[in-house]
Amino acid sequence: MQFFKHFGLKGPPQIFQKIGTFCGGRFAAAAERFGALRAKGRGVLAAAEECLHRLRTAERRGRLVRRAAALAAMAAVTVGSILTGMAAVKTATVTVDGVQKYSSQVFSTDTAAILKTAGVVPGPDSLLSRREGDGRVVLSIRTACRVTVAADGKEQRVLLHTGDTAADALEKAGVAPGPDDRVSPQAGEPVRDGGRVEVQRGMRVAVLADGKAKDAVVYGGTVAEALNGAGVKVDSDDIVSPDGNTAVRDGMKISVSRVEYQDVKSVQPVPYSTVTVKDASLAAGKTAERKAGQNGEKTVVTRRKFVDGKAAESAVVSSDVTRQPVNREVAVGTKKAARAARARRYGAAVTSASARGTLVDHNGRTVSYRKLLQGRCSAYTGGGTTSTGRAAAFGLVAVNPNIIPYGSRLYICSPDGRLVYGYAVAADTGGAAMRNIIIADLYYDTYSQCARIGTRTMNVYVL
């Protein structure tokens, strides 16, 4: 400061102050790189101070002035060198996927040198960009990522970088979504490594339901899913064409026919039937009404089907008889016809015949029989040998073997049960039996027994 006062100045000129302020700011930003230069500048200034002190001696003023001028020139050169060095320093910044990894003052702006200093090694297929200006060098690294693009039934993997979007993936894969297509994730959303971008092709379908036509855009699936997506509700009775399980295709026409059912209840007659009963007391060919017929009633529920409001079909779903009909009964005379048929089969000796049934014998036991023949029977005695070779004995009776085969087991009694011959076997025959005058000739051990029987109507049960 004494140096400047010697020349009548209160302090360093303003230009020196500005230079000092500027240099101080720059020195603070690059202290590590330019410490040596600042030290050298301070030495020069110290020397200048010393010269000012020595100028107090008048006799040496001239020589010191020349020395001061030299020192000032030397200071100017030093400051210029400092400014030149300061101008060569730049700020280097390194970011990886948008995150700052390094920032510092550097002399060398070589990309490889900056990355080495920052300790950053780009990964395979990473994308490196450089931006420089305003004393700054910015290196940006975007890490590689691989994304699967699925569209039109195919899949392909594409190479992208951090920050790229689904739209970039589609462009890289050569897939162009249409206005009706759906992209997931959305085109502007960023993708991640291992991510997936899907394109669902929109298909336009025409839906006709409830008398209205409606166009809808669907994304695959079945007809049922397309109707649901179009907001058309369908219940289990409705008719859908094509079937709800059919795969949707672009341009498909889908129709929905509404089906409704209506149950109608009605009371209907149940017709009576006419039954006939054979009456042996009525002459053949004659009929007589024994009981008048009467219709019954039934409640019928008919279900009617309507398709889009028009009747299509109907079916009976229930029928309950509320009153049973009374059948009409008609007797049909069989008097002559029965006698003729019986005569043809059994001969004139048989006055009636009936099918199987049961009887109660003289011991009170219930016995089953195959048929019952009613007709005239007689009695005989005298011993001898029967036509089947057996000795005549009680319990062996003579018959017409064409009507009652030999060996048949029989039970014989009067129709009123008062006279019982009992159990017998068909083992003999005779002229009266073969001429169909009698149906059986009953053997007794004595004549008096035969006389008591005589000839009478008996029931012959064939067991």
Protein backbone atom coordinates (compact mmCIF):
# COMPACT_ATOMS: atom_id res chain seq x y z
CA MET A 1 0.00 0.00 0.00
CA GLN A 2 2.96 2.33 0.71
CA PHE A 3 3.99 1.83 -2.89
CA PHE A 4 0.83 3.46 -4.17
CA LYS A 5 0.88 6.25 -1.52
CA HIS A 6 4.36 7.23 -2.69
CA PHE A 7 2.77 8.20 -6.02
CA GLY A 8 0.08 10.23 -4.29
CA LEU A 9 -2.53 7.43 -4.41
CA LYS A 10 -4.62 6.32 -1.43
CA GLY A 11 -4.52 2.72 -2.60
CA PRO A 12 -4.32 0.51 -5.70
CA PRO A 13 -6.06 1.89 -8.78
CA GLN A 14 -9.63 0.66 -9.43
CA ILE A 15 -8.51 -1.66 -12.21
CA PHE A 16 -6.22 -3.42 -9.75
CA GLN A 17 -9.14 -3.83 -7.33
CA LYS A 18 -11.35 -5.33 -10.03
CA ILE A 19 -8.59 -7.66 -11.10
CA GLY A 20 -8.08 -8.70 -7.52
CA THR A 21 -11.77 -9.32 -6.95
CA PHE A 22 -12.10 -11.30 -10.16
CA CYS A 23 -9.01 -13.34 -9.51
CA GLY A 24 -10.09 -13.99 -5.94
CA GLY A 25 -13.41 -15.44 -7.15
CA ARG A 26 -11.76 -17.56 -9.77
CA PHE A 27 -9.08 -18.70 -7.33
CA ALA A 28 -11.76 -19.81 -4.90
CA ALA A 29 -13.39 -21.98 -7.63
CA ALA A 30 -10.06 -23.58 -8.68
CA ALA A 31 -8.03 -23.53 -5.46
CA GLU A 32 -6.53 -26.98 -5.95
CA ARG A 33 -5.37 -26.43 -9.53
CA PHE A 34 -3.91 -22.93 -9.19
CA GLY A 35 -2.48 -22.74 -5.69
CA ALA A 36 1.01 -22.41 -7.06
CA LEU A 37 0.11 -19.53 -9.35
CA ARG A 38 -1.58 -17.62 -6.51
CA ALA A 39 1.49 -18.12 -4.32
CA LYS A 40 3.69 -16.70 -7.06
CA GLY A 41 1.43 -13.67 -7.43
CA ARG A 42 1.53 -13.02 -3.70
CA GLY A 43 5.34 -13.10 -3.79
CA VAL A 44 5.40 -10.43 -6.43
CA LEU A 45 3.08 -8.21 -4.44
CA ALA A 46 5.23 -8.68 -1.33
CA ALA A 47 8.24 -7.56 -3.29
CA ALA A 48 6.34 -4.51 -4.42
CA GLU A 49 5.55 -3.63 -0.80
CA GLU A 50 9.18 -3.90 0.11
CA CYS A 51 10.08 -1.49 -2.70
CA LEU A 52 7.62 1.08 -1.41
CA HIS A 53 9.26 0.94 1.96
CA ARG A 54 12.67 1.62 0.48
CA LEU A 55 11.46 4.60 -1.51
CA ARG A 56 11.45 6.65 1.67
CA THR A 57 15.06 7.43 1.02
CA ALA A 58 14.99 10.22 -1.50
CA GLU A 59 18.32 9.53 -3.00
CA ARG A 60 17.26 6.05 -4.05
CA ARG A 61 13.81 7.04 -5.41
CA GLY A 62 14.72 6.98 -9.05
CA ARG A 63 16.21 3.53 -8.99
CA LEU A 64 13.26 2.17 -6.94
CA VAL A 65 10.77 3.72 -9.32
CA ARG A 66 12.35 1.85 -12.18
CA ARG A 67 12.33 -1.32 -10.09
CA ALA A 68 8.68 -0.78 -9.13
CA ALA A 69 7.76 -0.38 -12.74
CA ALA A 70 9.49 -3.65 -13.52
CA LEU A 71 7.69 -5.33 -10.65
CA ALA A 72 4.34 -3.95 -11.85
CA ALA A 73 4.97 -5.30 -15.31
CA MET A 74 5.91 -8.57 -13.79
CA ALA A 75 2.65 -8.61 -11.75
CA ALA A 76 0.66 -7.90 -14.87
CA VAL A 77 2.28 -10.88 -16.61
CA THR A 78 1.56 -13.09 -13.60
CA VAL A 79 -2.09 -12.05 -13.45
CA GLY A 80 -2.43 -12.64 -17.20
CA SER A 81 -1.02 -16.12 -16.77
CA ILE A 82 -3.51 -16.77 -13.99
CA LEU A 83 -6.39 -15.54 -16.12
CA THR A 84 -5.26 -17.69 -19.03
CA GLY A 85 -5.16 -20.79 -16.78
CA MET A 86 -8.54 -19.93 -15.33
CA ALA A 87 -10.05 -19.73 -18.81
CA ALA A 88 -8.90 -23.33 -19.55
CA VAL A 89 -10.81 -24.84 -16.53
CA LYS A 90 -14.36 -26.26 -17.08
CA THR A 91 -16.96 -28.01 -14.92
CA ALA A 92 -17.55 -31.65 -15.88
CA THR A 93 -20.79 -33.45 -14.87
CA VAL A 94 -21.64 -37.14 -15.40
CA THR A 95 -25.25 -38.47 -15.07
CA VAL A 96 -26.40 -42.10 -15.32
CA ASP A 97 -30.10 -42.65 -16.09
CA GLY A 98 -30.83 -39.08 -15.00
CA VAL A 99 -28.99 -39.38 -11.68
CA GLN A 100 -25.84 -37.22 -11.20
CA LYS A 101 -22.87 -39.43 -10.41
CA TYR A 102 -19.98 -36.91 -10.69
CA SER A 103 -19.35 -33.11 -10.92
CA SER A 104 -15.94 -31.35 -10.67
CA GLN A 105 -13.50 -28.81 -12.27
CA VAL A 106 -11.29 -30.35 -14.93
CA PHE A 107 -8.51 -29.18 -17.25
CA SER A 108 -9.00 -32.00 -19.75
CA THR A 109 -12.45 -32.25 -21.40
CA ASP A 110 -11.74 -35.59 -23.09
CA THR A 111 -14.79 -37.86 -22.65
CA ALA A 112 -12.81 -40.97 -21.72
CA ALA A 113 -10.70 -38.98 -19.22
CA ILE A 114 -13.77 -37.50 -17.56
CA LEU A 115 -15.44 -40.94 -17.26
CA LYS A 116 -12.23 -42.43 -15.85
CA THR A 117 -11.92 -39.62 -13.30
CA ALA A 118 -15.58 -40.04 -12.37
CA GLY A 119 -15.16 -43.82 -12.02
CA VAL A 120 -18.11 -44.46 -14.32
CA VAL A 121 -18.00 -47.37 -16.79
CA PRO A 122 -20.93 -47.49 -19.25
CA GLY A 123 -22.62 -50.92 -19.50
CA PRO A 124 -23.03 -52.94 -22.71
CA ASP A 125 -25.26 -51.28 -25.32
CA SER A 126 -25.55 -48.16 -23.11
CA LEU A 127 -26.18 -44.86 -24.89
CA LEU A 128 -23.64 -41.99 -24.21
CA SER A 129 -24.37 -38.36 -25.15
CA ARG A 130 -22.22 -35.23 -24.67
CA ARG A 131 -23.32 -31.61 -24.29
CA GLU A 132 -20.81 -28.71 -23.95
CA GLY A 133 -21.22 -24.96 -23.43
CA ASP A 134 -20.99 -22.09 -20.94
CA GLY A 135 -17.89 -23.60 -19.37
CA ARG A 136 -19.61 -26.93 -18.72
CA VAL A 137 -19.27 -30.43 -20.15
CA VAL A 138 -22.22 -32.76 -19.43
CA LEU A 139 -21.94 -36.49 -20.15
CA SER A 140 -25.25 -38.40 -20.00
CA ILE A 141 -25.39 -42.21 -19.95
CA ARG A 142 -28.65 -44.15 -20.55
CA THR A 143 -28.51 -47.82 -19.59
CA ALA A 144 -29.67 -50.40 -22.14
CA CYS A 145 -32.92 -52.28 -21.47
CA ARG A 146 -34.71 -54.98 -23.40
CA VAL A 147 -38.49 -54.98 -23.74
CA THR A 148 -40.91 -57.55 -25.23
CA VAL A 149 -43.47 -56.22 -27.72
CA ALA A 150 -46.56 -58.45 -28.19
CA ALA A 151 -48.91 -57.74 -31.09
CA ASP A 152 -50.88 -59.70 -33.68
CA GLY A 153 -50.13 -63.01 -32.00
CA LYS A 154 -46.36 -62.51 -32.17
CA GLU A 155 -43.70 -61.43 -29.68
CA GLN A 156 -40.33 -59.76 -30.27
CA ARG A 157 -37.66 -58.29 -28.01
CA VAL A 158 -36.29 -54.83 -28.80
CA LEU A 159 -33.30 -52.86 -27.45
CA LEU A 160 -34.16 -49.57 -25.74
CA HIS A 161 -32.58 -47.30 -23.15
CA THR A 162 -33.68 -45.85 -19.83
CA GLY A 163 -36.22 -43.09 -20.39
CA ASP A 164 -37.64 -44.60 -23.58
CA THR A 165 -41.43 -45.03 -23.68
CA ALA A 166 -43.86 -47.66 -24.88
CA ALA A 167 -44.22 -45.66 -28.09
CA ASP A 168 -40.44 -45.99 -28.66
CA ALA A 169 -40.73 -49.77 -28.17
CA LEU A 170 -43.55 -50.00 -30.71
CA GLU A 171 -41.61 -47.91 -33.23
CA LYS A 172 -38.50 -50.04 -32.75
CA ALA A 173 -40.58 -53.20 -33.26
CA GLY A 174 -42.27 -51.78 -36.35
CA VAL A 175 -45.75 -52.06 -34.81
CA ALA A 176 -48.20 -49.30 -35.67
CA PRO A 177 -51.28 -49.19 -33.39
CA GLY A 178 -54.55 -48.22 -35.05
CA PRO A 179 -57.04 -45.71 -33.65
CA ASP A 180 -59.15 -48.53 -32.14
CA ASP A 181 -56.20 -50.44 -30.72
CA ARG A 182 -55.31 -50.52 -27.04
CA VAL A 183 -51.69 -50.22 -25.88
CA SER A 184 -50.57 -51.32 -22.43
CA PRO A 185 -48.80 -49.53 -20.85
CA GLN A 186 -49.89 -46.29 -22.50
CA ALA A 187 -47.71 -44.98 -25.30
CA GLY A 188 -46.20 -42.13 -23.22
CA GLU A 189 -45.26 -44.24 -20.22
CA PRO A 190 -41.58 -45.20 -19.75
CA VAL A 191 -40.57 -48.84 -20.00
CA ARG A 192 -38.26 -50.88 -17.81
CA ASP A 193 -35.80 -53.65 -18.51
CA GLY A 194 -37.67 -56.94 -18.89
CA GLY A 195 -40.93 -55.06 -19.34
CA ARG A 196 -43.71 -55.88 -21.77
CA VAL A 197 -45.71 -53.76 -24.19
CA GLU A 198 -48.92 -55.31 -25.49
CA VAL A 199 -51.12 -54.18 -28.34
CA GLN A 200 -54.71 -55.40 -28.39
CA ARG A 201 -56.27 -54.90 -31.78
CA GLY A 202 -59.68 -53.30 -31.62
CA MET A 203 -62.38 -55.17 -33.53
CA ARG A 204 -65.60 -53.51 -34.58
CA VAL A 205 -68.75 -55.57 -34.16
CA ALA A 206 -72.40 -54.78 -34.83
CA VAL A 207 -74.87 -55.78 -32.12
CA LEU A 208 -78.62 -56.00 -32.79
CA ALA A 209 -80.70 -56.25 -29.63
CA ASP A 210 -84.03 -54.88 -28.40
CA GLY A 211 -84.79 -53.56 -31.88
CA LYS A 212 -81.69 -51.36 -31.95
CA ALA A 213 -78.37 -51.67 -33.78
CA LYS A 214 -75.21 -50.72 -31.91
CA ASP A 215 -71.58 -50.63 -33.05
CA ALA A 216 -68.94 -51.51 -30.49
CA VAL A 217 -65.18 -51.92 -30.34
CA VAL A 218 -64.01 -55.07 -28.54
CA TYR A 219 -60.62 -56.53 -27.87
CA GLY A 220 -60.79 -60.24 -28.59
CA GLY A 221 -62.55 -62.82 -26.43
CA THR A 222 -65.91 -64.47 -27.05
CA VAL A 223 -69.29 -63.22 -28.24
CA ALA A 224 -70.53 -63.28 -24.63
CA GLU A 225 -67.60 -61.07 -23.55
CA ALA A 226 -68.21 -58.74 -26.49
CA LEU A 227 -71.86 -58.29 -25.46
CA ASN A 228 -70.80 -57.58 -21.90
CA GLY A 229 -68.27 -55.02 -23.12
CA ALA A 230 -70.95 -53.40 -25.31
CA GLY A 231 -73.26 -53.09 -22.29
CA VAL A 232 -75.85 -55.55 -23.62
CA LYS A 233 -77.23 -57.75 -20.85
CA VAL A 234 -78.25 -61.30 -21.74
CA ASP A 235 -80.03 -63.84 -19.53
CA SER A 236 -80.04 -67.62 -19.83
CA ASP A 237 -83.29 -67.73 -21.85
CA ASP A 238 -82.23 -65.26 -24.57
CA ILE A 239 -81.06 -66.53 -27.96
CA VAL A 240 -77.61 -65.27 -29.02
CA SER A 241 -76.32 -65.75 -32.55
CA PRO A 242 -73.53 -66.72 -33.01
CA ASP A 243 -73.27 -68.76 -29.81
CA GLY A 244 -71.85 -66.96 -26.79
CA ASN A 245 -68.72 -69.14 -26.80
CA THR A 246 -67.79 -68.22 -30.39
CA ALA A 247 -64.54 -66.25 -30.82
CA VAL A 248 -65.05 -62.63 -31.92
CA ARG A 249 -63.74 -61.46 -35.29
CA ASP A 250 -63.59 -58.02 -36.88
CA GLY A 251 -66.81 -57.05 -38.65
CA MET A 252 -68.90 -59.72 -36.89
CA LYS A 253 -72.66 -59.22 -36.58
CA ILE A 254 -74.20 -60.38 -33.30
CA SER A 255 -77.94 -60.67 -32.73
CA VAL A 256 -79.78 -61.08 -29.42
CA SER A 257 -83.39 -62.32 -29.41
CA ARG A 258 -85.24 -61.74 -26.16
CA VAL A 259 -87.14 -64.80 -24.91
CA GLU A 260 -90.00 -64.63 -22.42
CA TYR A 261 -92.34 -67.30 -21.07
CA GLN A 262 -95.96 -67.02 -19.98
CA ASP A 263 -97.84 -69.74 -18.07
CA VAL A 264 -101.56 -70.08 -18.87
CA LYS A 265 -103.86 -72.16 -16.62
CA SER A 266 -107.03 -73.81 -17.96
CA VAL A 267 -109.61 -76.40 -16.81
CA GLN A 268 -110.17 -79.19 -19.31
CA PRO A 269 -112.46 -82.27 -19.32
CA VAL A 270 -111.10 -85.75 -18.76
CA PRO A 271 -113.19 -88.00 -21.07
CA TYR A 272 -114.64 -91.14 -19.58
CA SER A 273 -113.98 -94.53 -21.13
CA THR A 274 -116.45 -97.22 -22.07
CA VAL A 275 -115.71 -100.67 -20.72
CA THR A 276 -117.48 -103.85 -21.73
CA VAL A 277 -118.33 -106.75 -19.45
CA LYS A 278 -119.27 -110.16 -20.75
CA ASP A 279 -122.64 -111.28 -19.49
CA ALA A 280 -123.51 -114.95 -19.91
CA SER A 281 -127.07 -114.20 -18.95
CA LEU A 282 -127.43 -111.85 -21.90
CA ALA A 283 -128.03 -113.23 -25.34
CA ALA A 284 -125.06 -113.12 -27.68
CA GLY A 285 -124.99 -109.93 -29.73
CA LYS A 286 -127.04 -108.02 -27.19
CA THR A 287 -125.66 -105.09 -25.14
CA ALA A 288 -126.96 -103.28 -22.13
CA GLU A 289 -125.62 -100.18 -20.33
CA ARG A 290 -124.96 -101.07 -16.75
CA LYS A 291 -123.51 -97.67 -15.70
CA ALA A 292 -123.59 -94.22 -17.33
CA GLY A 293 -120.27 -92.46 -17.99
CA GLN A 294 -119.26 -89.05 -16.62
CA ASN A 295 -116.34 -86.82 -17.64
CA GLY A 296 -113.76 -85.80 -15.07
CA GLU A 297 -111.79 -82.51 -14.87
CA LYS A 298 -108.11 -81.56 -14.93
CA THR A 299 -106.18 -78.33 -14.46
CA VAL A 300 -103.61 -77.83 -17.22
CA VAL A 301 -100.74 -75.31 -17.17
CA THR A 302 -99.45 -74.45 -20.64
CA ARG A 303 -96.18 -72.54 -21.02
CA ARG A 304 -96.09 -70.22 -24.02
CA LYS A 305 -92.79 -69.01 -25.45
CA PHE A 306 -92.42 -65.52 -26.94
CA VAL A 307 -89.38 -64.48 -29.01
CA ASP A 308 -89.01 -60.71 -29.34
CA GLY A 309 -92.66 -60.36 -28.35
CA LYS A 310 -94.01 -62.89 -30.87
CA ALA A 311 -95.52 -66.27 -29.90
CA ALA A 312 -93.20 -69.06 -30.99
CA GLU A 313 -94.31 -72.30 -29.32
CA SER A 314 -96.16 -73.75 -26.35
CA ALA A 315 -95.93 -76.87 -24.22
CA VAL A 316 -97.87 -78.39 -21.33
CA VAL A 317 -95.77 -78.21 -18.17
CA SER A 318 -98.27 -79.73 -15.72
CA SER A 319 -101.63 -81.47 -15.69
CA ASP A 320 -103.44 -82.31 -12.46
CA VAL A 321 -106.72 -84.29 -12.43
CA THR A 322 -109.06 -82.62 -9.98
CA ARG A 323 -112.02 -84.98 -10.58
CA GLN A 324 -111.73 -88.54 -11.82
CA PRO A 325 -114.00 -89.62 -14.69
CA VAL A 326 -116.65 -92.34 -14.19
CA ASN A 327 -116.38 -94.98 -16.88
CA ARG A 328 -119.43 -96.12 -18.80
CA GLU A 329 -120.04 -99.85 -18.34
CA VAL A 330 -121.75 -101.91 -21.07
CA ALA A 331 -122.69 -105.57 -20.76
CA VAL A 332 -122.21 -107.76 -23.84
CA GLY A 333 -124.23 -110.93 -24.11
CA THR A 334 -122.26 -114.18 -24.49
CA LYS A 335 -124.87 -116.78 -23.74
CA LYS A 336 -124.79 -118.72 -27.00
CA ALA A 337 -121.25 -117.98 -27.83
CA ALA A 338 -119.99 -119.19 -24.43
CA ARG A 339 -121.93 -122.42 -24.66
CA ALA A 340 -120.74 -123.15 -28.18
CA ALA A 341 -117.11 -122.38 -27.32
CA ARG A 342 -117.29 -124.52 -24.20
CA ALA A 343 -118.88 -127.36 -26.14
CA ARG A 344 -116.14 -127.20 -28.77
CA ARG A 345 -113.44 -127.32 -26.11
CA TYR A 346 -114.86 -129.49 -23.35
CA GLY A 347 -117.91 -131.14 -24.86
CA ALA A 348 -121.54 -130.91 -23.83
CA ALA A 349 -120.91 -132.40 -20.42
CA VAL A 350 -119.18 -129.24 -19.20
CA THR A 351 -121.74 -126.59 -18.35
CA SER A 352 -119.24 -123.92 -17.25
CA ALA A 353 -115.51 -123.42 -17.06
CA SER A 354 -113.32 -120.81 -15.44
CA ALA A 355 -109.65 -120.00 -15.11
CA ARG A 356 -107.27 -120.53 -12.21
CA GLY A 357 -108.15 -119.60 -8.65
CA THR A 358 -108.16 -120.98 -5.10
CA LEU A 359 -110.52 -123.20 -3.10
CA VAL A 360 -110.87 -124.25 0.53
CA ASP A 361 -110.92 -128.07 0.81
CA HIS A 362 -112.91 -130.13 3.30
CA ASN A 363 -109.98 -129.93 5.72
CA GLY A 364 -110.05 -126.12 5.68
CA ARG A 365 -106.86 -125.76 3.60
CA THR A 366 -106.62 -123.24 0.78
CA VAL A 367 -105.60 -124.93 -2.47
CA SER A 368 -104.74 -123.34 -5.83
CA TYR A 369 -106.20 -124.77 -9.05
CA ARG A 370 -105.50 -124.21 -12.73
CA LYS A 371 -109.10 -124.48 -13.97
CA LEU A 372 -112.57 -125.37 -12.81
CA LEU A 373 -114.91 -127.55 -14.87
CA GLN A 374 -118.56 -127.84 -13.80
CA GLY A 375 -120.73 -130.59 -15.22
CA ARG A 376 -122.47 -133.97 -14.74
CA CYS A 377 -120.60 -136.72 -12.91
CA SER A 378 -121.58 -140.35 -12.23
CA ALA A 379 -120.27 -143.17 -10.02
CA TYR A 380 -119.13 -146.73 -10.68
CA THR A 381 -117.65 -149.77 -8.82
CA GLY A 382 -116.68 -153.37 -9.46
CA GLY A 383 -112.89 -153.43 -9.27
CA GLY A 384 -110.69 -154.42 -12.17
CA THR A 385 -107.86 -152.58 -13.83
CA THR A 386 -108.00 -148.99 -15.08
CA SER A 387 -107.04 -147.95 -18.59
CA THR A 388 -103.73 -146.69 -17.21
CA GLY A 389 -102.95 -150.17 -15.77
CA ARG A 390 -103.65 -149.37 -12.16
CA ALA A 391 -106.04 -151.37 -9.98
CA ALA A 392 -109.37 -149.61 -9.64
CA ALA A 393 -109.70 -147.94 -6.24
CA PHE A 394 -111.31 -145.00 -4.51
CA GLY A 395 -109.61 -141.79 -5.62
CA LEU A 396 -109.07 -142.97 -9.18
CA VAL A 397 -111.66 -141.53 -11.57
CA ALA A 398 -112.54 -142.04 -15.22
CA VAL A 399 -112.33 -139.00 -17.54
CA ASN A 400 -112.04 -138.01 -21.17
CA PRO A 401 -108.26 -137.73 -21.48
CA ASN A 402 -108.73 -135.22 -24.30
CA ILE A 403 -110.27 -132.83 -21.77
CA ILE A 404 -108.56 -133.90 -18.55
CA PRO A 405 -105.22 -135.59 -19.29
CA TYR A 406 -104.33 -138.86 -17.47
CA GLY A 407 -102.37 -138.27 -14.31
CA SER A 408 -104.04 -134.93 -13.56
CA ARG A 409 -104.56 -134.27 -9.84
CA LEU A 410 -108.15 -133.32 -9.09
CA TYR A 411 -110.37 -132.15 -6.27
CA ILE A 412 -114.07 -133.00 -6.68
CA CYS A 413 -117.09 -131.73 -4.72
CA SER A 414 -120.62 -130.47 -5.29
CA PRO A 415 -121.06 -126.78 -6.12
CA ASP A 416 -122.52 -126.14 -2.67
CA GLY A 417 -119.72 -128.13 -0.99
CA ARG A 418 -122.07 -130.51 0.82
CA LEU A 419 -120.95 -133.56 -1.13
CA VAL A 420 -117.22 -134.07 -1.24
CA TYR A 421 -115.47 -136.78 -3.22
CA GLY A 422 -112.12 -135.24 -2.31
CA TYR A 423 -108.75 -135.55 -3.94
CA ALA A 424 -108.46 -137.83 -6.99
CA VAL A 425 -106.28 -138.74 -9.96
CA ALA A 426 -107.43 -139.06 -13.58
CA ALA A 427 -106.50 -142.71 -14.21
CA ASP A 428 -109.39 -144.33 -16.18
CA THR A 429 -111.88 -143.65 -18.93
CA GLY A 430 -115.28 -144.88 -20.08
CA GLY A 431 -117.80 -144.63 -22.85
CA ALA A 432 -119.92 -141.95 -21.18
CA ALA A 433 -116.86 -139.79 -20.56
CA MET A 434 -115.59 -140.26 -24.11
CA ARG A 435 -119.04 -139.33 -25.51
CA ASN A 436 -118.98 -136.15 -23.35
CA ILE A 437 -122.07 -137.22 -21.45
CA ILE A 438 -120.23 -136.83 -18.17
CA ILE A 439 -117.01 -135.09 -17.24
CA ALA A 440 -115.97 -137.72 -14.68
CA ASP A 441 -117.03 -141.17 -13.42
CA LEU A 442 -116.17 -141.44 -9.72
CA TYR A 443 -115.04 -144.83 -8.41
CA TYR A 444 -116.50 -146.07 -5.08
CA ASP A 445 -115.77 -149.27 -3.25
CA THR A 446 -119.47 -150.26 -2.83
CA TYR A 447 -122.61 -150.17 -4.88
CA SER A 448 -124.54 -148.43 -2.11
CA GLN A 449 -122.11 -145.55 -2.22
CA CYS A 450 -122.61 -145.30 -5.98
CA ALA A 451 -126.38 -145.39 -5.58
CA ARG A 452 -126.24 -142.54 -3.06
CA ILE A 453 -124.27 -140.40 -5.52
CA GLY A 454 -126.15 -141.30 -8.64
CA THR A 455 -125.63 -138.72 -11.37
CA ARG A 456 -125.33 -135.08 -10.36
CA THR A 457 -123.58 -131.75 -11.12
CA MET A 458 -120.15 -131.56 -9.57
CA ASN A 459 -117.19 -129.18 -9.59
CA VAL A 460 -114.01 -130.79 -10.88
CA TYR A 461 -110.97 -128.69 -9.94
CA VAL A 462 -107.83 -129.45 -11.96
CA LEU A 463 -104.97 -128.78 -9.56
